[in-house]
Amino acid sequence: MEEVIIYTDGACSGNPGPGGWGSILMYKNEKKEISGGNKDTTNNIMEITAVIEALKLLKFPCSVKIYSDSSYVVNCFKQGWIYNWKKNGWKTASKEPVKNKELWEELYHFTTIHKIEFIKVKGHSDNIYNNRCDELARNAIKQLS
């Protein structure tokens, strides 16, 4: 199985407010940067969207390492929240509807195609790829106005 490394980040100017996301995909010696934004969104939506948009570019099942500074995204899989949500009809432990359900469903679908490992990175530190994703996301916000 081919290995792909993906770095992602989301950002918001106000929460909710204008938001952007950025991703870097690395495969063999290739590196691809992608980004986008939305005029009215939340930080969490942008964090999930960054992962989904990167995974959409994969053309065949891969072994994927996703690096994100979003505890929300990483813990959802590492701590198994998403599996419980799915089992409970997309309800949280407190029986509330899961926020951003459609995005989580889409992201979950990719876990049935690819072997995905989610890895937490410290945001705004010395990780050049995470910092570049943050820059991509912030630039996407600037392009919305």
N, C-alpha and C. Protein backbone atom coordinates (compact mmCIF):
# COMPACT_ATOMS: atom_id res chain seq x y z
N MET A 1 0.85 -1.18 0.00
CA MET A 1 0.00 0.00 0.00
C MET A 1 0.90 1.24 0.00
N GLU A 2 0.62 2.15 -0.91
CA GLU A 2 1.41 3.38 -1.01
C GLU A 2 1.17 4.26 0.22
N GLU A 3 2.25 4.93 0.67
CA GLU A 3 2.12 5.80 1.83
C GLU A 3 2.04 7.27 1.41
N VAL A 4 1.09 7.97 2.01
CA VAL A 4 0.89 9.40 1.77
C VAL A 4 0.93 10.10 3.13
N ILE A 5 1.60 11.23 3.16
CA ILE A 5 1.62 12.05 4.38
C ILE A 5 0.83 13.32 4.07
N ILE A 6 -0.07 13.67 4.99
CA ILE A 6 -0.90 14.85 4.81
C ILE A 6 -0.81 15.72 6.08
N TYR A 7 -0.55 16.99 5.86
CA TYR A 7 -0.62 17.98 6.94
C TYR A 7 -1.84 18.85 6.66
N THR A 8 -2.58 19.21 7.72
CA THR A 8 -3.78 20.02 7.53
C THR A 8 -3.89 21.08 8.61
N ASP A 9 -4.60 22.15 8.28
CA ASP A 9 -4.92 23.16 9.29
C ASP A 9 -6.15 23.94 8.83
N GLY A 10 -6.89 24.42 9.80
CA GLY A 10 -8.03 25.28 9.54
C GLY A 10 -7.89 26.54 10.38
N ALA A 11 -8.49 27.61 9.92
CA ALA A 11 -8.42 28.88 10.64
C ALA A 11 -9.73 29.63 10.44
N CYS A 12 -10.03 30.49 11.41
CA CYS A 12 -11.23 31.30 11.31
C CYS A 12 -10.94 32.68 11.85
N SER A 13 -11.52 33.68 11.20
CA SER A 13 -11.41 35.05 11.67
C SER A 13 -12.75 35.38 12.31
N GLY A 14 -12.82 35.16 13.63
CA GLY A 14 -14.11 35.15 14.31
C GLY A 14 -14.60 33.72 14.26
N ASN A 15 -15.41 33.31 15.22
CA ASN A 15 -15.85 31.91 15.24
C ASN A 15 -17.31 31.87 15.70
N PRO A 16 -18.30 31.92 14.81
CA PRO A 16 -18.18 31.80 13.34
C PRO A 16 -17.71 33.10 12.68
N GLY A 17 -17.29 32.94 11.45
CA GLY A 17 -16.82 34.06 10.64
C GLY A 17 -16.18 33.52 9.38
N PRO A 18 -15.44 34.36 8.66
CA PRO A 18 -14.74 33.88 7.47
C PRO A 18 -13.67 32.88 7.89
N GLY A 19 -13.59 31.77 7.16
CA GLY A 19 -12.62 30.73 7.52
C GLY A 19 -11.88 30.20 6.32
N GLY A 20 -10.74 29.59 6.59
CA GLY A 20 -9.95 28.98 5.53
C GLY A 20 -9.32 27.69 6.01
N TRP A 21 -8.90 26.90 5.06
CA TRP A 21 -8.22 25.64 5.37
C TRP A 21 -7.05 25.48 4.40
N GLY A 22 -6.06 24.72 4.84
CA GLY A 22 -4.91 24.43 3.99
C GLY A 22 -4.44 23.02 4.25
N SER A 23 -3.96 22.37 3.20
CA SER A 23 -3.44 21.00 3.31
C SER A 23 -2.21 20.85 2.42
N ILE A 24 -1.31 20.01 2.88
CA ILE A 24 -0.15 19.63 2.07
C ILE A 24 -0.15 18.11 1.99
N LEU A 25 -0.11 17.60 0.76
CA LEU A 25 -0.03 16.15 0.53
C LEU A 25 1.37 15.83 0.05
N MET A 26 1.97 14.78 0.62
CA MET A 26 3.30 14.34 0.21
C MET A 26 3.24 12.87 -0.16
N TYR A 27 3.66 12.59 -1.39
CA TYR A 27 3.64 11.23 -1.92
C TYR A 27 4.93 11.04 -2.71
N LYS A 28 5.72 10.07 -2.29
CA LYS A 28 7.04 9.84 -2.89
C LYS A 28 7.80 11.16 -2.86
N ASN A 29 8.22 11.68 -4.02
CA ASN A 29 8.96 12.95 -4.03
C ASN A 29 8.08 14.13 -4.42
N GLU A 30 6.78 13.91 -4.47
CA GLU A 30 5.85 14.97 -4.87
C GLU A 30 5.25 15.65 -3.65
N LYS A 31 4.98 16.94 -3.79
CA LYS A 31 4.32 17.69 -2.72
C LYS A 31 3.27 18.58 -3.37
N LYS A 32 2.04 18.55 -2.85
CA LYS A 32 0.96 19.35 -3.42
C LYS A 32 0.31 20.14 -2.30
N GLU A 33 0.12 21.45 -2.51
CA GLU A 33 -0.56 22.32 -1.56
C GLU A 33 -1.93 22.67 -2.09
N ILE A 34 -2.94 22.59 -1.22
CA ILE A 34 -4.30 22.98 -1.59
C ILE A 34 -4.89 23.83 -0.47
N SER A 35 -5.86 24.66 -0.81
CA SER A 35 -6.51 25.47 0.22
C SER A 35 -7.86 25.95 -0.30
N GLY A 36 -8.66 26.47 0.62
CA GLY A 36 -9.96 27.00 0.27
C GLY A 36 -10.55 27.71 1.47
N GLY A 37 -11.73 28.27 1.28
CA GLY A 37 -12.34 29.00 2.39
C GLY A 37 -13.83 29.13 2.25
N ASN A 38 -14.42 29.73 3.26
CA ASN A 38 -15.86 29.92 3.32
C ASN A 38 -16.11 31.22 4.08
N LYS A 39 -17.04 32.03 3.57
CA LYS A 39 -17.31 33.34 4.19
C LYS A 39 -17.95 33.25 5.56
N ASP A 40 -18.67 32.17 5.84
CA ASP A 40 -19.37 32.05 7.12
C ASP A 40 -19.24 30.62 7.63
N THR A 41 -18.31 30.39 8.54
CA THR A 41 -18.02 29.03 8.98
C THR A 41 -17.44 29.06 10.38
N THR A 42 -16.98 27.89 10.85
CA THR A 42 -16.32 27.81 12.16
C THR A 42 -14.94 27.19 11.99
N ASN A 43 -14.14 27.36 13.00
CA ASN A 43 -12.80 26.79 13.00
C ASN A 43 -12.86 25.26 12.86
N ASN A 44 -13.76 24.63 13.62
CA ASN A 44 -13.86 23.17 13.56
C ASN A 44 -14.24 22.68 12.17
N ILE A 45 -15.16 23.38 11.51
CA ILE A 45 -15.55 22.99 10.15
C ILE A 45 -14.35 23.08 9.21
N MET A 46 -13.55 24.13 9.37
CA MET A 46 -12.38 24.29 8.51
C MET A 46 -11.33 23.21 8.78
N GLU A 47 -11.17 22.81 10.04
CA GLU A 47 -10.22 21.74 10.39
C GLU A 47 -10.62 20.42 9.73
N ILE A 48 -11.91 20.08 9.80
CA ILE A 48 -12.38 18.82 9.20
C ILE A 48 -12.30 18.90 7.67
N THR A 49 -12.69 20.06 7.12
CA THR A 49 -12.69 20.24 5.67
C THR A 49 -11.28 20.08 5.10
N ALA A 50 -10.28 20.57 5.81
CA ALA A 50 -8.89 20.45 5.33
C ALA A 50 -8.51 18.98 5.13
N VAL A 51 -8.94 18.13 6.05
CA VAL A 51 -8.64 16.69 5.95
C VAL A 51 -9.42 16.07 4.79
N ILE A 52 -10.71 16.36 4.71
CA ILE A 52 -11.55 15.79 3.65
C ILE A 52 -11.05 16.18 2.27
N GLU A 53 -10.76 17.46 2.07
CA GLU A 53 -10.33 17.92 0.75
C GLU A 53 -9.01 17.27 0.33
N ALA A 54 -8.13 17.04 1.27
CA ALA A 54 -6.87 16.36 0.95
C ALA A 54 -7.14 14.90 0.56
N LEU A 55 -7.99 14.23 1.34
CA LEU A 55 -8.29 12.81 1.06
C LEU A 55 -9.00 12.63 -0.28
N LYS A 56 -9.78 13.63 -0.69
CA LYS A 56 -10.49 13.56 -1.97
C LYS A 56 -9.52 13.43 -3.15
N LEU A 57 -8.29 13.90 -2.97
CA LEU A 57 -7.33 13.87 -4.07
C LEU A 57 -6.68 12.50 -4.27
N LEU A 58 -6.81 11.61 -3.30
CA LEU A 58 -6.18 10.29 -3.42
C LEU A 58 -6.95 9.45 -4.43
N LYS A 59 -6.20 8.86 -5.36
CA LYS A 59 -6.83 8.16 -6.48
C LYS A 59 -7.01 6.66 -6.24
N PHE A 60 -6.37 6.12 -5.21
CA PHE A 60 -6.49 4.69 -4.89
C PHE A 60 -6.24 4.53 -3.39
N PRO A 61 -6.63 3.37 -2.81
CA PRO A 61 -6.45 3.17 -1.37
C PRO A 61 -4.98 3.31 -0.97
N CYS A 62 -4.76 4.09 0.08
CA CYS A 62 -3.41 4.38 0.55
C CYS A 62 -3.31 4.20 2.06
N SER A 63 -2.07 4.12 2.52
CA SER A 63 -1.77 4.21 3.93
C SER A 63 -1.46 5.68 4.18
N VAL A 64 -2.27 6.34 5.00
CA VAL A 64 -2.20 7.79 5.15
C VAL A 64 -1.88 8.18 6.59
N LYS A 65 -0.91 9.05 6.74
CA LYS A 65 -0.64 9.66 8.04
C LYS A 65 -1.10 11.11 7.93
N ILE A 66 -2.06 11.47 8.78
CA ILE A 66 -2.60 12.82 8.79
C ILE A 66 -2.10 13.54 10.03
N TYR A 67 -1.39 14.63 9.80
CA TYR A 67 -0.87 15.45 10.89
C TYR A 67 -1.74 16.69 11.02
N SER A 68 -2.29 16.90 12.21
CA SER A 68 -3.19 18.02 12.44
C SER A 68 -2.93 18.59 13.83
N ASP A 69 -3.10 19.91 13.97
CA ASP A 69 -3.00 20.50 15.30
C ASP A 69 -4.38 20.60 15.97
N SER A 70 -5.39 20.02 15.31
CA SER A 70 -6.75 20.04 15.85
C SER A 70 -7.03 18.84 16.75
N SER A 71 -7.14 19.11 18.04
CA SER A 71 -7.50 18.04 18.99
C SER A 71 -8.86 17.46 18.62
N TYR A 72 -9.74 18.31 18.15
CA TYR A 72 -11.11 17.90 17.76
C TYR A 72 -11.04 16.80 16.71
N VAL A 73 -10.25 17.00 15.67
CA VAL A 73 -10.15 16.02 14.59
C VAL A 73 -9.40 14.77 15.05
N VAL A 74 -8.23 14.97 15.65
CA VAL A 74 -7.39 13.83 16.04
C VAL A 74 -8.08 12.97 17.10
N ASN A 75 -8.60 13.61 18.14
CA ASN A 75 -9.24 12.85 19.24
C ASN A 75 -10.50 12.13 18.79
N CYS A 76 -11.18 12.67 17.79
CA CYS A 76 -12.39 12.03 17.29
C CYS A 76 -12.10 10.59 16.88
N PHE A 77 -10.92 10.37 16.31
CA PHE A 77 -10.54 9.02 15.88
C PHE A 77 -9.70 8.31 16.94
N LYS A 78 -8.72 8.99 17.51
CA LYS A 78 -7.84 8.37 18.51
C LYS A 78 -8.61 7.90 19.73
N GLN A 79 -9.62 8.68 20.14
CA GLN A 79 -10.40 8.32 21.33
C GLN A 79 -11.72 7.62 20.98
N GLY A 80 -11.92 7.37 19.69
CA GLY A 80 -13.06 6.57 19.26
C GLY A 80 -14.42 7.24 19.30
N TRP A 81 -14.45 8.57 19.44
CA TRP A 81 -15.75 9.25 19.49
C TRP A 81 -16.57 8.93 18.26
N ILE A 82 -15.94 8.98 17.09
CA ILE A 82 -16.69 8.84 15.83
C ILE A 82 -17.38 7.48 15.74
N TYR A 83 -16.75 6.43 16.27
CA TYR A 83 -17.34 5.09 16.20
C TYR A 83 -18.57 5.01 17.11
N ASN A 84 -18.48 5.67 18.27
CA ASN A 84 -19.64 5.72 19.17
C ASN A 84 -20.76 6.56 18.58
N TRP A 85 -20.40 7.70 17.97
CA TRP A 85 -21.42 8.54 17.34
C TRP A 85 -22.18 7.77 16.28
N LYS A 86 -21.41 7.07 15.44
CA LYS A 86 -22.02 6.30 14.34
C LYS A 86 -22.94 5.22 14.91
N LYS A 87 -22.44 4.49 15.91
CA LYS A 87 -23.21 3.42 16.54
C LYS A 87 -24.49 3.96 17.19
N ASN A 88 -24.43 5.18 17.72
CA ASN A 88 -25.57 5.79 18.41
C ASN A 88 -26.41 6.70 17.52
N GLY A 89 -26.35 6.47 16.19
CA GLY A 89 -27.17 7.25 15.27
C GLY A 89 -26.75 8.71 15.20
N TRP A 90 -25.44 8.96 15.28
CA TRP A 90 -24.87 10.31 15.21
C TRP A 90 -25.38 11.20 16.35
N LYS A 91 -25.42 10.59 17.54
CA LYS A 91 -25.72 11.32 18.76
C LYS A 91 -24.48 11.24 19.66
N THR A 92 -24.26 12.32 20.44
CA THR A 92 -23.13 12.35 21.37
C THR A 92 -23.48 11.50 22.60
N ALA A 93 -22.52 11.37 23.49
CA ALA A 93 -22.76 10.62 24.74
C ALA A 93 -23.90 11.24 25.53
N SER A 94 -24.08 12.56 25.40
CA SER A 94 -25.19 13.23 26.11
C SER A 94 -26.47 13.27 25.28
N LYS A 95 -26.53 12.42 24.25
CA LYS A 95 -27.72 12.25 23.39
C LYS A 95 -28.04 13.46 22.52
N GLU A 96 -27.09 14.37 22.39
CA GLU A 96 -27.25 15.54 21.52
C GLU A 96 -26.84 15.15 20.10
N PRO A 97 -27.43 15.80 19.08
CA PRO A 97 -26.98 15.53 17.71
C PRO A 97 -25.51 15.96 17.54
N VAL A 98 -24.75 15.17 16.84
CA VAL A 98 -23.34 15.49 16.59
C VAL A 98 -23.26 16.72 15.69
N LYS A 99 -22.46 17.69 16.10
CA LYS A 99 -22.27 18.88 15.27
C LYS A 99 -21.43 18.49 14.05
N ASN A 100 -21.72 19.09 12.91
CA ASN A 100 -20.98 18.85 11.67
C ASN A 100 -21.08 17.39 11.20
N LYS A 101 -22.23 16.79 11.46
CA LYS A 101 -22.46 15.37 11.15
C LYS A 101 -22.11 15.01 9.70
N GLU A 102 -22.53 15.84 8.74
CA GLU A 102 -22.29 15.51 7.32
C GLU A 102 -20.80 15.43 7.03
N LEU A 103 -20.03 16.35 7.63
CA LEU A 103 -18.57 16.32 7.42
C LEU A 103 -17.96 15.08 8.07
N TRP A 104 -18.40 14.77 9.28
CA TRP A 104 -17.87 13.58 9.96
C TRP A 104 -18.21 12.31 9.18
N GLU A 105 -19.42 12.25 8.62
CA GLU A 105 -19.80 11.08 7.82
C GLU A 105 -18.89 10.94 6.61
N GLU A 106 -18.62 12.08 5.96
CA GLU A 106 -17.75 12.05 4.78
C GLU A 106 -16.34 11.62 5.16
N LEU A 107 -15.85 12.16 6.27
CA LEU A 107 -14.50 11.79 6.72
C LEU A 107 -14.46 10.32 7.12
N TYR A 108 -15.48 9.85 7.81
CA TYR A 108 -15.55 8.44 8.20
C TYR A 108 -15.49 7.53 6.96
N HIS A 109 -16.20 7.93 5.91
CA HIS A 109 -16.21 7.15 4.67
C HIS A 109 -14.78 6.92 4.16
N PHE A 110 -13.94 7.94 4.23
CA PHE A 110 -12.55 7.79 3.77
C PHE A 110 -11.78 6.77 4.61
N THR A 111 -12.16 6.60 5.88
CA THR A 111 -11.47 5.61 6.72
C THR A 111 -11.83 4.19 6.29
N THR A 112 -12.89 4.04 5.51
CA THR A 112 -13.25 2.70 5.01
C THR A 112 -12.49 2.38 3.71
N ILE A 113 -11.88 3.40 3.10
CA ILE A 113 -11.13 3.23 1.86
C ILE A 113 -9.63 3.17 2.13
N HIS A 114 -9.17 4.06 3.00
CA HIS A 114 -7.74 4.19 3.28
C HIS A 114 -7.43 3.73 4.70
N LYS A 115 -6.17 3.35 4.91
CA LYS A 115 -5.69 3.05 6.26
C LYS A 115 -5.15 4.38 6.79
N ILE A 116 -5.89 5.01 7.70
CA ILE A 116 -5.56 6.36 8.13
C ILE A 116 -5.13 6.38 9.60
N GLU A 117 -4.01 7.05 9.83
CA GLU A 117 -3.53 7.28 11.19
C GLU A 117 -3.56 8.79 11.42
N PHE A 118 -4.19 9.22 12.50
CA PHE A 118 -4.25 10.64 12.84
C PHE A 118 -3.19 10.93 13.89
N ILE A 119 -2.38 11.96 13.63
CA ILE A 119 -1.28 12.32 14.52
C ILE A 119 -1.40 13.78 14.91
N LYS A 120 -1.38 14.05 16.21
CA LYS A 120 -1.50 15.42 16.72
C LYS A 120 -0.14 16.09 16.68
N VAL A 121 -0.12 17.31 16.13
CA VAL A 121 1.09 18.13 16.16
C VAL A 121 0.78 19.41 16.94
N LYS A 122 1.81 19.97 17.50
CA LYS A 122 1.64 21.23 18.25
C LYS A 122 1.49 22.36 17.24
N GLY A 123 0.42 23.12 17.37
CA GLY A 123 0.19 24.23 16.45
C GLY A 123 1.10 25.41 16.74
N HIS A 124 1.38 26.17 15.71
CA HIS A 124 2.15 27.42 15.84
C HIS A 124 3.48 27.20 16.57
N SER A 125 4.15 26.10 16.22
CA SER A 125 5.45 25.84 16.83
C SER A 125 6.48 25.76 15.71
N ASP A 126 7.35 24.77 15.76
CA ASP A 126 8.45 24.73 14.79
C ASP A 126 8.24 23.70 13.68
N ASN A 127 7.00 23.24 13.49
CA ASN A 127 6.75 22.29 12.42
C ASN A 127 6.49 23.07 11.12
N ILE A 128 7.42 22.98 10.18
CA ILE A 128 7.32 23.81 8.97
C ILE A 128 6.07 23.50 8.15
N TYR A 129 5.66 22.24 8.11
CA TYR A 129 4.49 21.87 7.31
C TYR A 129 3.20 22.36 7.96
N ASN A 130 3.11 22.24 9.29
CA ASN A 130 1.93 22.75 9.97
C ASN A 130 1.87 24.27 9.84
N ASN A 131 3.00 24.92 9.96
CA ASN A 131 3.02 26.38 9.81
C ASN A 131 2.62 26.79 8.40
N ARG A 132 3.06 26.02 7.40
CA ARG A 132 2.69 26.33 6.02
C ARG A 132 1.18 26.14 5.80
N CYS A 133 0.60 25.10 6.39
CA CYS A 133 -0.85 24.88 6.28
C CYS A 133 -1.61 26.03 6.93
N ASP A 134 -1.11 26.52 8.05
CA ASP A 134 -1.74 27.67 8.71
C ASP A 134 -1.68 28.89 7.79
N GLU A 135 -0.54 29.07 7.12
CA GLU A 135 -0.39 30.19 6.18
C GLU A 135 -1.36 30.04 5.00
N LEU A 136 -1.48 28.83 4.47
CA LEU A 136 -2.43 28.57 3.38
C LEU A 136 -3.86 28.90 3.80
N ALA A 137 -4.23 28.48 5.01
CA ALA A 137 -5.58 28.72 5.53
C ALA A 137 -5.82 30.22 5.71
N ARG A 138 -4.87 30.92 6.27
CA ARG A 138 -5.03 32.36 6.48
C ARG A 138 -5.07 33.14 5.17
N ASN A 139 -4.28 32.69 4.19
CA ASN A 139 -4.32 33.32 2.87
C ASN A 139 -5.68 33.10 2.21
N ALA A 140 -6.26 31.92 2.42
CA ALA A 140 -7.59 31.62 1.85
C ALA A 140 -8.64 32.57 2.43
N ILE A 141 -8.51 32.90 3.71
CA ILE A 141 -9.45 33.84 4.34
C ILE A 141 -9.31 35.22 3.67
N LYS A 142 -8.08 35.65 3.46
CA LYS A 142 -7.83 36.97 2.85
C LYS A 142 -8.45 37.05 1.45
N GLN A 143 -8.45 35.94 0.73
CA GLN A 143 -8.99 35.93 -0.62
C GLN A 143 -10.52 35.98 -0.67
N LEU A 144 -11.17 35.79 0.47
CA LEU A 144 -12.63 35.82 0.50
C LEU A 144 -13.19 37.22 0.40
N SER A 145 -12.42 38.22 0.85
CA SER A 145 -12.96 39.59 0.88
C SER A 145 -12.81 40.30 -0.45
